[in-house]
Amino acid sequence: MGKRDILTPIGITLGFIMIMLAILSNGGKEGVRNFMDVASIFIVLGGLVGSLLINFKFEQIKLFTTVFREAFRKNDNKIPELIRLFIHLSDRARKEGLLALENEMEDVEDEFIKKGILLAIDGIEPEVINEIMNAEIAAMEDRHYKGRVIIEKAGEYAPAWGMIGTLIGLVLMLSNLEDPASLGPNMAVALLTTLYGTVLANLVFLPMASKLENKTEEEIFIKQIIIEGIIGVQSGQNPRILEEKLSAFLYGEDPIEPEKKIVAEEKANEA
């Protein structure tokens, strides 16, 4: 289950605050009004929405808000907790057999772990389990990409529509050179659309897309650890050996508590 990731809203808010402070420091409240232009907003947002509607199917467009929210959540999977779980499962499987693990699955929330252990209980060959589980990882990665690509395309289209707005503003400005009063508003459209599109792309869409990609890679990494643990449990590996094997995946995580290691070693010696 994902928890709220406060870094995403903090980063976006901080970015907008810094921009506003830069504007206020030079022009005050009047300066802020100079950076507000309804026509520029319509050009960027309208063009962006239109491009996305052309590029994607309606089913994918409906996923936009869901995918957008995912950037504000973080995975709470902990590798040490996974290692402790598989140490426990390995110890029980060696003592009571794989069938004893069926009851253990009632308390496990992760469907990926459940599926793998149940395949092991059913006597499926390790190579086949590995293929099935990796196929599920590939399907998950494809689903994530189809959702993330909408955010990525929004990041590509936003600056482009900003440039289109700039061209519109320049055309309007050059076509009314005899009217000095129109030069200012038309120049504002010309410049502000580029600003809006660039800020949306580089402060919102592209960082979010990159974060979603990192989350996918993290989830794949976790699932690969799970596969290694399932194969180890099925093959009857010594809990201590399995612990050392899975501990190789630890980096930047909380280490396994020393007392847990001691317990695992004692159980292994008893076995």
Protein backbone atom coordinates (compact mmCIF):
# COMPACT_ATOMS: atom_id res chain seq x y z
CA MET A 1 0.00 0.00 0.00
CA GLY A 2 1.29 3.45 -0.88
CA LYS A 3 1.73 6.31 1.54
CA ARG A 4 1.55 9.99 0.74
CA ASP A 5 4.77 11.36 -0.73
CA ILE A 6 5.17 14.90 0.60
CA LEU A 7 8.25 15.66 -1.50
CA THR A 8 6.25 16.03 -4.73
CA PRO A 9 3.85 18.75 -3.47
CA ILE A 10 6.70 20.40 -1.57
CA GLY A 11 8.84 20.52 -4.72
CA ILE A 12 6.06 21.94 -6.90
CA THR A 13 5.00 24.47 -4.26
CA LEU A 14 8.59 25.54 -3.62
CA GLY A 15 9.18 26.01 -7.34
CA PHE A 16 6.12 28.24 -7.76
CA ILE A 17 6.99 30.19 -4.59
CA MET A 18 10.50 30.92 -5.89
CA ILE A 19 9.04 32.13 -9.20
CA MET A 20 6.54 34.36 -7.39
CA LEU A 21 9.24 35.76 -5.11
CA ALA A 22 11.39 36.59 -8.13
CA ILE A 23 8.46 38.45 -9.70
CA LEU A 24 7.53 40.25 -6.47
CA SER A 25 11.10 41.29 -5.77
CA ASN A 26 11.20 43.30 -8.99
CA GLY A 27 7.66 44.42 -9.63
CA GLY A 28 5.61 43.95 -6.46
CA LYS A 29 1.90 43.21 -6.84
CA GLU A 30 1.82 45.12 -10.10
CA GLY A 31 4.52 42.77 -11.39
CA VAL A 32 2.37 39.75 -10.55
CA ARG A 33 -0.51 41.18 -12.57
CA ASN A 34 1.83 41.61 -15.50
CA PHE A 35 2.45 37.87 -15.48
CA MET A 36 -1.25 36.97 -15.58
CA ASP A 37 -2.77 36.67 -19.02
CA VAL A 38 -5.97 34.75 -19.72
CA ALA A 39 -5.32 34.42 -23.45
CA SER A 40 -1.94 32.78 -22.79
CA ILE A 41 -3.53 30.33 -20.35
CA PHE A 42 -6.20 29.39 -22.89
CA ILE A 43 -3.62 28.81 -25.62
CA VAL A 44 -1.36 26.57 -23.51
CA LEU A 45 -4.03 24.57 -21.65
CA GLY A 46 -6.43 24.37 -24.59
CA GLY A 47 -3.73 23.29 -27.01
CA LEU A 48 -2.31 20.82 -24.49
CA VAL A 49 -5.68 19.16 -23.85
CA GLY A 50 -6.41 19.04 -27.58
CA SER A 51 -3.08 17.38 -28.34
CA LEU A 52 -3.59 14.74 -25.64
CA LEU A 53 -7.10 13.97 -26.91
CA ILE A 54 -5.72 13.42 -30.41
CA ASN A 55 -2.74 11.37 -29.21
CA PHE A 56 -4.46 8.95 -26.80
CA LYS A 57 -7.54 6.79 -26.57
CA PHE A 58 -10.32 7.85 -24.26
CA GLU A 59 -9.56 4.94 -21.90
CA GLN A 60 -6.00 6.24 -21.49
CA ILE A 61 -7.15 9.82 -21.00
CA LYS A 62 -9.37 8.65 -18.12
CA LEU A 63 -6.25 7.30 -16.42
CA PHE A 64 -4.63 10.74 -16.36
CA THR A 65 -5.91 11.75 -12.92
CA THR A 66 -5.14 8.30 -11.48
CA VAL A 67 -1.59 8.37 -12.80
CA PHE A 68 -1.19 12.00 -11.69
CA ARG A 69 -2.14 11.04 -8.12
CA GLU A 70 0.43 8.24 -8.12
CA ALA A 71 3.19 10.85 -8.25
CA PHE A 72 2.00 12.01 -4.82
CA ARG A 73 2.30 8.55 -3.28
CA LYS A 74 5.26 6.43 -2.34
CA ASN A 75 5.77 2.71 -1.98
CA ASP A 76 6.17 1.50 1.59
CA ASN A 77 7.80 -1.81 0.70
CA LYS A 78 10.75 -2.48 2.96
CA ILE A 79 13.40 -4.97 1.88
CA PRO A 80 14.33 -5.97 5.48
CA GLU A 81 10.67 -6.86 6.14
CA LEU A 82 10.59 -9.00 3.01
CA ILE A 83 13.78 -10.78 4.05
CA ARG A 84 12.37 -11.52 7.50
CA LEU A 85 9.19 -12.87 5.91
CA PHE A 86 11.07 -15.25 3.64
CA ILE A 87 13.35 -16.36 6.47
CA HIS A 88 10.22 -17.29 8.42
CA LEU A 89 8.62 -19.03 5.44
CA SER A 90 11.82 -20.92 4.67
CA ASP A 91 12.17 -22.10 8.27
CA ARG A 92 8.59 -23.31 8.44
CA ALA A 93 8.77 -24.99 5.02
CA ARG A 94 11.87 -26.93 6.06
CA LYS A 95 10.23 -28.10 9.28
CA GLU A 96 6.63 -28.70 8.21
CA GLY A 97 6.71 -28.82 4.41
CA LEU A 98 5.51 -26.38 1.75
CA LEU A 99 1.84 -27.18 2.41
CA ALA A 100 2.18 -25.54 5.84
CA LEU A 101 2.73 -22.20 4.09
CA GLU A 102 -0.83 -22.10 2.79
CA ASN A 103 -2.09 -20.87 6.16
CA GLU A 104 0.69 -18.29 6.28
CA MET A 105 -0.64 -16.67 3.11
CA GLU A 106 -3.83 -15.58 4.90
CA ASP A 107 -1.86 -12.86 6.71
CA VAL A 108 0.11 -11.72 3.65
CA GLU A 109 -1.36 -8.70 1.83
CA ASP A 110 0.95 -8.73 -1.18
CA GLU A 111 -0.82 -10.62 -4.00
CA PHE A 112 2.46 -11.13 -5.85
CA ILE A 113 3.94 -13.01 -2.89
CA LYS A 114 0.76 -15.03 -2.46
CA LYS A 115 0.72 -16.07 -6.09
CA GLY A 116 4.36 -17.15 -6.04
CA ILE A 117 4.10 -19.15 -2.83
CA LEU A 118 0.91 -20.87 -3.98
CA LEU A 119 2.64 -21.84 -7.23
CA ALA A 120 5.47 -23.28 -5.16
CA ILE A 121 3.00 -25.21 -2.98
CA ASP A 122 1.40 -26.63 -6.14
CA GLY A 123 4.78 -28.10 -7.09
CA ILE A 124 5.42 -25.93 -10.15
CA GLU A 125 9.02 -26.08 -11.34
CA PRO A 126 11.24 -23.14 -10.27
CA GLU A 127 11.96 -22.22 -13.90
CA VAL A 128 8.24 -22.08 -14.67
CA ILE A 129 7.55 -20.00 -11.55
CA ASN A 130 10.30 -17.62 -12.59
CA GLU A 131 8.78 -17.28 -16.08
CA ILE A 132 5.25 -16.72 -14.76
CA MET A 133 6.32 -14.14 -12.21
CA ASN A 134 8.54 -12.26 -14.67
CA ALA A 135 5.70 -12.22 -17.19
CA GLU A 136 3.56 -10.54 -14.55
CA ILE A 137 6.34 -8.01 -13.92
CA ALA A 138 6.52 -7.27 -17.66
CA ALA A 139 2.74 -6.76 -17.79
CA MET A 140 2.91 -4.41 -14.78
CA GLU A 141 5.74 -2.44 -16.39
CA ASP A 142 3.69 -2.09 -19.59
CA ARG A 143 0.65 -0.85 -17.63
CA HIS A 144 2.77 1.69 -15.81
CA TYR A 145 4.31 2.91 -19.06
CA LYS A 146 0.93 3.40 -20.72
CA GLY A 147 -0.15 5.55 -17.81
CA ARG A 148 3.14 7.44 -17.48
CA VAL A 149 3.44 8.25 -21.18
CA ILE A 150 0.46 10.63 -20.88
CA ILE A 151 2.40 12.73 -18.37
CA GLU A 152 5.53 12.54 -20.53
CA LYS A 153 3.65 13.72 -23.62
CA ALA A 154 2.09 16.57 -21.63
CA GLY A 155 5.64 17.63 -20.74
CA GLU A 156 6.57 17.58 -24.43
CA TYR A 157 3.49 19.39 -25.70
CA ALA A 158 3.35 22.19 -23.09
CA PRO A 159 6.50 24.07 -24.27
CA ALA A 160 5.47 23.54 -27.90
CA TRP A 161 2.12 25.22 -27.28
CA GLY A 162 3.95 27.95 -25.45
CA MET A 163 5.94 28.60 -28.63
CA ILE A 164 2.75 28.54 -30.70
CA GLY A 165 1.30 31.17 -28.36
CA THR A 166 4.45 33.21 -28.84
CA LEU A 167 4.01 33.10 -32.61
CA ILE A 168 0.36 34.12 -32.27
CA GLY A 169 1.34 37.07 -30.09
CA LEU A 170 4.05 38.17 -32.52
CA VAL A 171 1.65 38.00 -35.47
CA LEU A 172 -0.90 40.09 -33.57
CA MET A 173 1.77 42.57 -32.56
CA LEU A 174 3.24 42.97 -36.07
CA SER A 175 -0.20 43.30 -37.65
CA ASN A 176 -1.06 46.24 -35.37
CA LEU A 177 2.14 48.26 -35.29
CA GLU A 178 0.18 51.42 -36.06
CA ASP A 179 -1.69 50.99 -32.74
CA PRO A 180 0.82 51.48 -29.90
CA ALA A 181 -1.80 50.55 -27.28
CA SER A 182 -2.03 46.99 -28.64
CA LEU A 183 1.72 46.32 -28.59
CA GLY A 184 1.90 45.65 -24.86
CA PRO A 185 -0.95 43.10 -24.61
CA ASN A 186 0.16 41.28 -27.75
CA MET A 187 3.75 41.12 -26.53
CA ALA A 188 2.47 39.72 -23.23
CA VAL A 189 0.72 36.90 -25.08
CA ALA A 190 3.88 36.29 -27.07
CA LEU A 191 6.11 35.91 -24.02
CA LEU A 192 3.81 34.55 -21.33
CA THR A 193 2.66 31.51 -23.30
CA THR A 194 6.26 30.35 -23.58
CA LEU A 195 6.72 30.97 -19.86
CA TYR A 196 3.57 29.04 -18.91
CA GLY A 197 4.37 26.09 -21.17
CA THR A 198 7.98 25.86 -19.97
CA VAL A 199 7.06 26.06 -16.29
CA LEU A 200 4.34 23.40 -16.63
CA ALA A 201 6.72 21.08 -18.44
CA ASN A 202 9.80 21.47 -16.25
CA LEU A 203 8.19 21.95 -12.85
CA VAL A 204 5.19 19.64 -13.11
CA PHE A 205 4.91 17.13 -15.96
CA LEU A 206 8.49 16.04 -16.69
CA PRO A 207 9.57 15.70 -13.02
CA MET A 208 6.39 13.72 -12.31
CA ALA A 209 7.00 11.41 -15.27
CA SER A 210 10.56 10.81 -14.08
CA LYS A 211 9.34 10.08 -10.56
CA LEU A 212 6.76 7.59 -11.85
CA GLU A 213 9.48 5.86 -13.87
CA ASN A 214 11.66 5.61 -10.75
CA LYS A 215 8.72 4.15 -8.81
CA THR A 216 8.23 1.51 -11.50
CA GLU A 217 11.91 0.56 -11.36
CA GLU A 218 11.71 0.33 -7.58
CA GLU A 219 8.65 -1.90 -7.76
CA ILE A 220 10.34 -4.17 -10.31
CA PHE A 221 13.38 -4.40 -8.02
CA ILE A 222 11.18 -5.40 -5.07
CA LYS A 223 9.40 -8.04 -7.13
CA GLN A 224 12.71 -9.52 -8.26
CA ILE A 225 13.66 -9.91 -4.59
CA ILE A 226 10.32 -11.63 -3.99
CA ILE A 227 10.99 -14.07 -6.84
CA GLU A 228 14.40 -14.92 -5.38
CA GLY A 229 12.79 -15.48 -1.99
CA ILE A 230 10.06 -17.72 -3.39
CA ILE A 231 12.54 -19.87 -5.32
CA GLY A 232 14.70 -20.11 -2.20
CA VAL A 233 11.76 -21.21 -0.05
CA GLN A 234 10.63 -23.78 -2.62
CA SER A 235 14.10 -25.26 -3.02
CA GLY A 236 14.43 -25.70 0.76
CA GLN A 237 17.35 -23.36 1.23
CA ASN A 238 18.74 -22.97 4.73
CA PRO A 239 17.16 -19.81 6.26
CA ARG A 240 20.58 -18.42 7.04
CA ILE A 241 21.77 -18.93 3.46
CA LEU A 242 18.57 -17.40 2.11
CA GLU A 243 18.99 -14.43 4.43
CA GLU A 244 22.53 -13.80 3.22
CA LYS A 245 21.42 -14.16 -0.39
CA LEU A 246 18.54 -11.70 -0.08
CA SER A 247 20.61 -9.30 2.06
CA ALA A 248 22.72 -8.67 -1.04
CA PHE A 249 19.80 -6.56 -2.28
CA LEU A 250 20.05 -4.21 0.69
CA TYR A 251 21.30 -0.73 -0.07
CA GLY A 252 20.25 2.37 1.79
CA GLU A 253 17.70 0.32 3.72
CA ASP A 254 17.47 -0.33 7.43
CA PRO A 255 19.59 -3.41 8.14
CA ILE A 256 18.01 -6.55 9.54
CA GLU A 257 17.93 -6.33 13.31
CA PRO A 258 20.79 -8.31 14.92
CA GLU A 259 18.41 -10.28 17.15
CA LYS A 260 16.48 -11.38 14.09
CA LYS A 261 19.68 -12.71 12.56
CA ILE A 262 20.51 -14.58 15.72
CA VAL A 263 17.07 -16.17 15.81
CA ALA A 264 17.40 -17.18 12.17
CA GLU A 265 20.82 -18.75 12.80
CA GLU A 266 19.55 -20.66 15.83
CA LYS A 267 16.59 -22.00 13.82
CA ALA A 268 18.94 -23.00 11.03
CA ASN A 269 21.21 -24.86 13.46
CA GLU A 270 18.23 -26.63 14.99
CA ALA A 271 17.10 -27.74 11.55
